[in-house]
């Protein structure tokens, strides 16, 4: 990957138009869709912003879980939309019955992050499908599959790209930030019907990818062996982490991502400060899970340091 990044910098004086088109074609081929169904973004964060621009606004509501990834809610409020955040159910799944319209509410967009961030939990595919059928015809659904590659062994998880339902209201977002390790390159995309994708593209920044980003993305999609190795390494590190969790009898939300939420048994801000004093950064608070800490699973040596500090805290 690094040689490709360095080589791409030699073309930094050029606009990325040809590479942009090639990347779009690669993504379309990967998911067996038309190129007109793919919208690129500077990270999936731009996809979320675009969806807020297109589907949210005064008189419309964004409905999402609580807690979940927070940026879409911020974008929707900026557009003048109301945001209704529905607490996860007892299984840490999206509480879909309570995410249906309430009291004459006009839903512009529903956000389903699956696996969810920050809980790393799964909402079963069959439940999401049944929920979508109950929504009004003008309510769109954004399914954020940022952590898709880490959930493949879950019997409840089926991607809406691997098994699409061909509904013009459904938009699926993916990112290169996680399994591909390209968070700093800012590359994401959405897949939807051609009509819906056109709405997204109309609000995209022109040339929103650098030529280096586009070229690295093209290479990443061609490196099947590298992808498989990354999935194996990361899920293996997760298994090792969970073994340590079990050894210490810590309550942990079942995880299908590259992070986990641990119940610390104390106000999480105290835990964050304890780790920060030891030069270890963990996740911020995620109300209403006020005793849970979000821990990203890093390299083995980093996790050894984490557990030393954890054990000091408990001692």
Protein backbone atom coordinates (compact mmCIF):
# COMPACT_ATOMS: atom_id res chain seq x y z
CA UNK A 1 0.00 0.00 0.00
CA UNK A 2 2.75 2.49 0.92
CA UNK A 3 4.54 2.27 -2.47
CA UNK A 4 1.21 3.04 -4.18
CA UNK A 5 0.71 6.08 -1.94
CA UNK A 6 4.20 7.39 -2.68
CA UNK A 7 3.82 6.84 -6.41
CA UNK A 8 0.44 8.60 -6.45
CA UNK A 9 1.98 11.74 -4.99
CA UNK A 10 3.95 12.17 -8.23
CA UNK A 11 0.63 13.04 -9.89
CA UNK A 12 -0.48 15.58 -7.31
CA UNK A 13 -0.47 18.33 -9.97
CA UNK A 14 -3.39 16.69 -11.80
CA UNK A 15 -7.12 16.56 -11.27
CA UNK A 16 -8.33 13.04 -10.43
CA UNK A 17 -11.05 12.72 -13.09
CA UNK A 18 -9.83 9.55 -14.83
CA UNK A 19 -8.95 7.87 -11.53
CA UNK A 20 -12.29 8.95 -10.10
CA UNK A 21 -14.08 7.16 -12.94
CA UNK A 22 -11.92 4.05 -12.57
CA UNK A 23 -12.58 3.88 -8.84
CA UNK A 24 -16.33 4.25 -9.40
CA UNK A 25 -16.18 1.39 -11.90
CA UNK A 26 -14.23 -0.81 -9.46
CA UNK A 27 -16.78 -0.25 -6.69
CA UNK A 28 -19.67 -0.92 -9.08
CA UNK A 29 -18.02 -4.16 -10.20
CA UNK A 30 -17.41 -5.22 -6.59
CA UNK A 31 -21.07 -4.87 -5.68
CA UNK A 32 -22.47 -5.92 -9.08
CA UNK A 33 -24.29 -2.64 -9.63
CA UNK A 34 -24.23 0.05 -12.31
CA UNK A 35 -21.71 2.88 -12.08
CA UNK A 36 -24.68 5.25 -11.89
CA UNK A 37 -25.49 3.68 -8.52
CA UNK A 38 -22.21 4.73 -6.85
CA UNK A 39 -21.55 8.09 -5.19
CA UNK A 40 -18.04 8.77 -3.88
CA UNK A 41 -17.25 10.81 -0.79
CA UNK A 42 -14.33 12.22 1.16
CA UNK A 43 -14.86 9.50 3.76
CA UNK A 44 -18.30 8.15 4.55
CA UNK A 45 -18.61 11.33 6.64
CA UNK A 46 -19.26 13.25 3.43
CA UNK A 47 -21.89 10.69 2.45
CA UNK A 48 -23.65 11.33 5.76
CA UNK A 49 -23.46 15.08 5.24
CA UNK A 50 -24.89 14.77 1.73
CA UNK A 51 -27.77 12.64 3.00
CA UNK A 52 -28.58 15.32 5.57
CA UNK A 53 -28.56 17.93 2.81
CA UNK A 54 -30.85 15.90 0.54
CA UNK A 55 -33.31 14.26 2.93
CA UNK A 56 -33.39 16.47 6.03
CA UNK A 57 -34.56 20.02 6.56
CA UNK A 58 -37.26 22.11 8.26
CA UNK A 59 -40.39 20.08 8.90
CA UNK A 60 -38.56 16.76 8.54
CA UNK A 61 -37.08 14.43 11.11
CA UNK A 62 -33.96 12.31 11.27
CA UNK A 63 -34.58 9.21 13.36
CA UNK A 64 -31.56 7.40 14.75
CA UNK A 65 -30.42 5.24 17.66
CA UNK A 66 -28.93 6.42 20.95
CA UNK A 67 -26.07 6.07 21.19
CA UNK A 68 -24.86 5.92 17.61
CA UNK A 69 -22.34 7.68 15.37
CA UNK A 70 -23.06 11.33 16.00
CA UNK A 71 -22.11 13.33 12.92
CA UNK A 72 -25.30 12.79 10.91
CA UNK A 73 -27.37 14.19 13.76
CA UNK A 74 -25.22 17.31 13.79
CA UNK A 75 -25.55 17.73 10.02
CA UNK A 76 -29.34 17.28 10.19
CA UNK A 77 -29.72 19.89 12.94
CA UNK A 78 -27.68 22.33 10.87
CA UNK A 79 -30.20 21.81 8.05
CA UNK A 80 -33.05 22.68 10.42
CA UNK A 81 -34.37 19.15 10.84
CA UNK A 82 -35.51 17.68 14.12
CA UNK A 83 -33.49 14.73 15.41
CA UNK A 84 -35.17 11.96 17.38
CA UNK A 85 -32.72 9.62 19.08
CA UNK A 86 -34.24 6.33 20.22
CA UNK A 87 -32.39 4.35 22.94
CA UNK A 88 -31.14 0.93 21.91
CA UNK A 89 -33.15 -1.99 23.24
CA UNK A 90 -32.04 -4.37 25.99
CA UNK A 91 -30.01 -6.39 23.45
CA UNK A 92 -28.24 -3.21 22.26
CA UNK A 93 -30.07 -3.49 18.92
CA UNK A 94 -31.87 -0.62 17.19
CA UNK A 95 -35.31 -0.36 18.80
CA UNK A 96 -37.02 -0.41 15.42
CA UNK A 97 -40.68 -0.39 16.59
CA UNK A 98 -40.02 2.88 18.39
CA UNK A 99 -38.24 4.29 15.32
CA UNK A 100 -41.48 4.34 13.32
CA UNK A 101 -43.22 7.73 12.84
CA UNK A 102 -44.79 9.13 15.98
CA UNK A 103 -47.43 11.81 16.46
CA UNK A 104 -47.68 13.00 12.86
CA UNK A 105 -43.90 13.12 12.52
CA UNK A 106 -42.61 13.37 8.94
CA UNK A 107 -39.49 11.25 8.71
CA UNK A 108 -37.07 12.39 6.04
CA UNK A 109 -34.29 9.96 6.90
CA UNK A 110 -33.64 6.99 9.19
CA UNK A 111 -30.05 6.21 10.15
CA UNK A 112 -29.14 2.61 10.94
CA UNK A 113 -25.48 2.03 11.74
CA UNK A 114 -24.96 -1.74 11.56
CA UNK A 115 -22.75 -2.85 13.28
CA UNK A 116 -23.54 0.12 15.46
CA UNK A 117 -20.92 2.61 16.57
CA UNK A 118 -20.15 2.87 19.52
CA UNK A 119 -21.70 -0.39 20.77
CA UNK A 120 -20.37 -2.74 18.02
CA UNK A 121 -23.71 -4.54 18.22
CA UNK A 122 -25.81 -6.03 15.41
CA UNK A 123 -29.44 -5.40 14.53
CA UNK A 124 -30.69 -8.52 12.68
CA UNK A 125 -31.17 -8.08 8.94
CA UNK A 126 -34.66 -9.63 9.01
CA UNK A 127 -35.80 -7.04 11.54
CA UNK A 128 -34.45 -4.16 9.45
CA UNK A 129 -36.21 -5.46 6.32
CA UNK A 130 -39.52 -5.74 8.18
CA UNK A 131 -39.03 -2.22 9.55
CA UNK A 132 -38.36 -0.68 6.13
CA UNK A 133 -41.64 -2.15 4.82
CA UNK A 134 -43.53 -0.28 7.55
CA UNK A 135 -42.04 3.13 6.76
CA UNK A 136 -43.86 5.74 4.68
CA UNK A 137 -42.96 5.72 0.99
CA UNK A 138 -41.13 9.06 1.26
CA UNK A 139 -38.91 8.10 4.21
CA UNK A 140 -35.35 7.18 3.18
CA UNK A 141 -33.07 4.81 5.09
CA UNK A 142 -29.29 5.19 5.34
CA UNK A 143 -27.59 1.95 6.38
CA UNK A 144 -24.03 2.60 7.51
CA UNK A 145 -21.90 -0.53 7.01
CA UNK A 146 -18.56 0.97 8.04
CA UNK A 147 -17.71 -2.14 10.10
CA UNK A 148 -19.11 -4.66 7.61
CA UNK A 149 -15.93 -6.73 7.26
CA UNK A 150 -15.77 -7.52 10.97
CA UNK A 151 -19.35 -8.86 11.20
CA UNK A 152 -19.20 -11.54 8.53
CA UNK A 153 -19.33 -14.40 11.03
CA UNK A 154 -22.48 -13.16 12.72
CA UNK A 155 -25.58 -15.21 11.77
CA UNK A 156 -27.75 -12.09 12.21
CA UNK A 157 -25.73 -9.90 9.89
CA UNK A 158 -26.29 -9.73 6.13
CA UNK A 159 -25.09 -6.71 4.17
CA UNK A 160 -27.62 -4.71 2.18
CA UNK A 161 -25.01 -4.61 -0.59
CA UNK A 162 -24.32 -8.35 -0.66
CA UNK A 163 -28.07 -8.98 -0.67
CA UNK A 164 -29.80 -5.80 -1.90
CA UNK A 165 -33.57 -5.28 -1.66
CA UNK A 166 -33.81 -2.91 -4.66
CA UNK A 167 -35.71 -0.24 -2.77
CA UNK A 168 -35.13 3.35 -3.97
CA UNK A 169 -35.37 4.55 -0.36
CA UNK A 170 -32.36 2.50 0.81
CA UNK A 171 -28.84 3.95 0.72
CA UNK A 172 -25.86 1.91 1.90
CA UNK A 173 -22.65 3.64 3.00
CA UNK A 174 -19.19 2.07 3.19
CA UNK A 175 -15.76 3.45 4.08
CA UNK A 176 -12.10 2.68 3.43
CA UNK A 177 -11.20 3.98 6.91
CA UNK A 178 -11.59 0.71 8.81
CA UNK A 179 -10.50 -2.61 7.30
CA UNK A 180 -8.42 -0.92 4.58
CA UNK A 181 -6.67 1.29 7.15
CA UNK A 182 -7.08 4.49 5.09
CA UNK A 183 -8.74 6.80 7.62
CA UNK A 184 -6.36 9.64 6.80
CA UNK A 185 -6.96 9.38 3.05
CA UNK A 186 -10.71 10.13 3.47
CA UNK A 187 -12.52 7.78 1.11
CA UNK A 188 -16.06 6.47 1.33
CA UNK A 189 -19.00 5.78 -0.93
CA UNK A 190 -22.71 5.14 -1.12
CA UNK A 191 -24.66 2.68 -3.23
CA UNK A 192 -28.33 3.25 -4.06
CA UNK A 193 -30.65 3.18 -7.06
CA UNK A 194 -29.57 5.43 -9.97
CA UNK A 195 -32.31 7.94 -9.17
CA UNK A 196 -31.31 8.23 -5.52
CA UNK A 197 -27.61 8.28 -6.35
CA UNK A 198 -28.16 11.23 -8.68
CA UNK A 199 -29.65 13.16 -5.76
CA UNK A 200 -26.52 12.42 -3.72
CA UNK A 201 -24.13 13.35 -6.53
CA UNK A 202 -25.90 16.69 -7.02
CA UNK A 203 -24.80 17.66 -3.50
CA UNK A 204 -21.27 16.23 -3.69
CA UNK A 205 -18.24 18.49 -3.76
CA UNK A 206 -16.71 18.56 -7.23
CA UNK A 207 -13.51 16.48 -7.38
CA UNK A 208 -14.00 15.55 -3.73
CA UNK A 209 -11.15 13.00 -3.84
CA UNK A 210 -7.48 13.68 -4.35
CA UNK A 211 -5.68 11.74 -7.05
CA UNK A 212 -3.66 9.95 -4.35
CA UNK A 213 -6.83 8.90 -2.55
CA UNK A 214 -8.45 7.61 -5.73
CA UNK A 215 -5.38 5.62 -6.78
CA UNK A 216 -4.91 4.06 -3.36
CA UNK A 217 -8.60 3.14 -3.32
CA UNK A 218 -8.29 1.43 -6.70
CA UNK A 219 -5.31 -0.56 -5.44
CA UNK A 220 -7.08 -1.52 -2.20
CA UNK A 221 -10.02 -2.96 -4.12
CA UNK A 222 -7.61 -5.04 -6.21
CA UNK A 223 -5.75 -6.51 -3.24
CA UNK A 224 -7.98 -9.42 -2.24
CA UNK A 225 -5.18 -11.15 -0.34
CA UNK A 226 -4.43 -8.00 1.63
CA UNK A 227 -8.10 -7.60 2.54
CA UNK A 228 -8.39 -11.21 3.71
CA UNK A 229 -5.21 -10.86 5.78
CA UNK A 230 -6.48 -7.66 7.39
CA UNK A 231 -9.80 -9.25 8.35
CA UNK A 232 -8.02 -12.29 9.81
CA UNK A 233 -5.54 -10.15 11.76
CA UNK A 234 -8.11 -7.75 13.18
CA UNK A 235 -10.67 -10.38 14.14
CA UNK A 236 -7.86 -12.43 15.67
CA UNK A 237 -6.77 -9.45 17.76
CA UNK A 238 -10.41 -9.00 18.78
CA UNK A 239 -10.59 -12.64 19.92
CA UNK A 240 -7.45 -12.13 22.00
CA UNK A 241 -8.91 -8.99 23.53
CA UNK A 242 -12.16 -10.75 24.40
CA UNK A 243 -10.21 -13.57 26.04
CA UNK A 244 -8.67 -10.98 28.36
CA UNK A 245 -12.13 -9.53 28.99
CA UNK A 246 -13.45 -12.95 29.95
CA UNK A 247 -10.43 -13.66 32.16
CA UNK A 248 -11.25 -10.54 34.17
CA UNK A 249 -15.00 -11.23 34.25
CA UNK A 250 -15.77 -7.85 32.65
CA UNK A 251 -19.23 -7.17 31.26
CA UNK A 252 -18.85 -6.43 27.53
CA UNK A 253 -21.45 -5.72 24.85
CA UNK A 254 -21.07 -8.50 22.23
CA UNK A 255 -18.89 -6.97 19.52
CA UNK A 256 -18.93 -7.37 15.75
CA UNK A 257 -16.49 -4.55 15.06
CA UNK A 258 -12.83 -3.66 15.71
CA UNK A 259 -13.70 -2.14 19.08
CA UNK A 260 -15.70 -3.08 22.15
CA UNK A 261 -17.74 -1.40 24.88
CA UNK A 262 -16.75 -2.46 28.40
CA UNK A 263 -18.80 -1.77 31.51
CA UNK A 264 -16.26 -0.21 33.86
CA UNK A 265 -18.60 -0.06 36.85
CA UNK A 266 -17.81 3.60 37.43
CA UNK A 267 -18.38 6.96 35.69
CA UNK A 268 -16.61 6.63 32.38
CA UNK A 269 -15.09 10.10 32.56
CA UNK A 270 -13.03 8.92 35.53
CA UNK A 271 -11.81 5.97 33.48
CA UNK A 272 -10.93 8.17 30.50
CA UNK A 273 -8.92 10.48 32.74
CA UNK A 274 -7.14 7.54 34.37
CA UNK A 275 -5.97 6.21 30.99
CA UNK A 276 -5.10 9.66 29.68
CA UNK A 277 -2.78 10.17 32.66
CA UNK A 278 -0.93 7.07 31.44
CA UNK A 279 -0.81 8.42 27.86
CA UNK A 280 -3.48 6.00 26.57
CA UNK A 281 -6.48 7.47 24.76
CA UNK A 282 -9.78 5.58 24.86
CA UNK A 283 -13.20 6.53 23.52
CA UNK A 284 -15.18 9.55 24.68
CA UNK A 285 -18.38 9.19 26.77
CA UNK A 286 -21.46 7.94 24.96
CA UNK A 287 -24.56 8.76 27.00
CA UNK A 288 -26.74 7.11 28.15
CA UNK A 289 -24.12 4.33 28.56
CA UNK A 290 -22.39 6.37 31.23
CA UNK A 291 -20.29 3.58 32.75
CA UNK A 292 -19.20 2.04 29.43
CA UNK A 293 -15.83 2.69 27.81
CA UNK A 294 -15.34 2.30 24.06
CA UNK A 295 -12.02 0.56 23.44
CA UNK A 296 -10.52 0.38 19.97
CA UNK A 297 -8.52 -2.82 19.59
CA UNK A 298 -4.98 -1.87 18.58
CA UNK A 299 -1.73 -3.72 18.06
CA UNK A 300 -0.86 -6.51 20.53
CA UNK A 301 1.77 -4.38 22.28
CA UNK A 302 -0.71 -1.52 22.60
CA UNK A 303 -3.29 -3.81 24.17
CA UNK A 304 -0.73 -5.16 26.63
CA UNK A 305 -0.19 -1.57 27.77
CA UNK A 306 -3.95 -1.08 27.95
CA UNK A 307 -4.45 -4.08 30.22
CA UNK A 308 -1.62 -3.02 32.53
CA UNK A 309 -3.32 0.32 33.06
CA UNK A 310 -6.74 -1.32 33.40
CA UNK A 311 -5.45 -3.66 36.11
CA UNK A 312 -3.87 -0.74 37.94
CA UNK A 313 -7.22 1.03 37.90
CA UNK A 314 -9.05 -2.00 39.28
CA UNK A 315 -6.37 -2.62 41.92
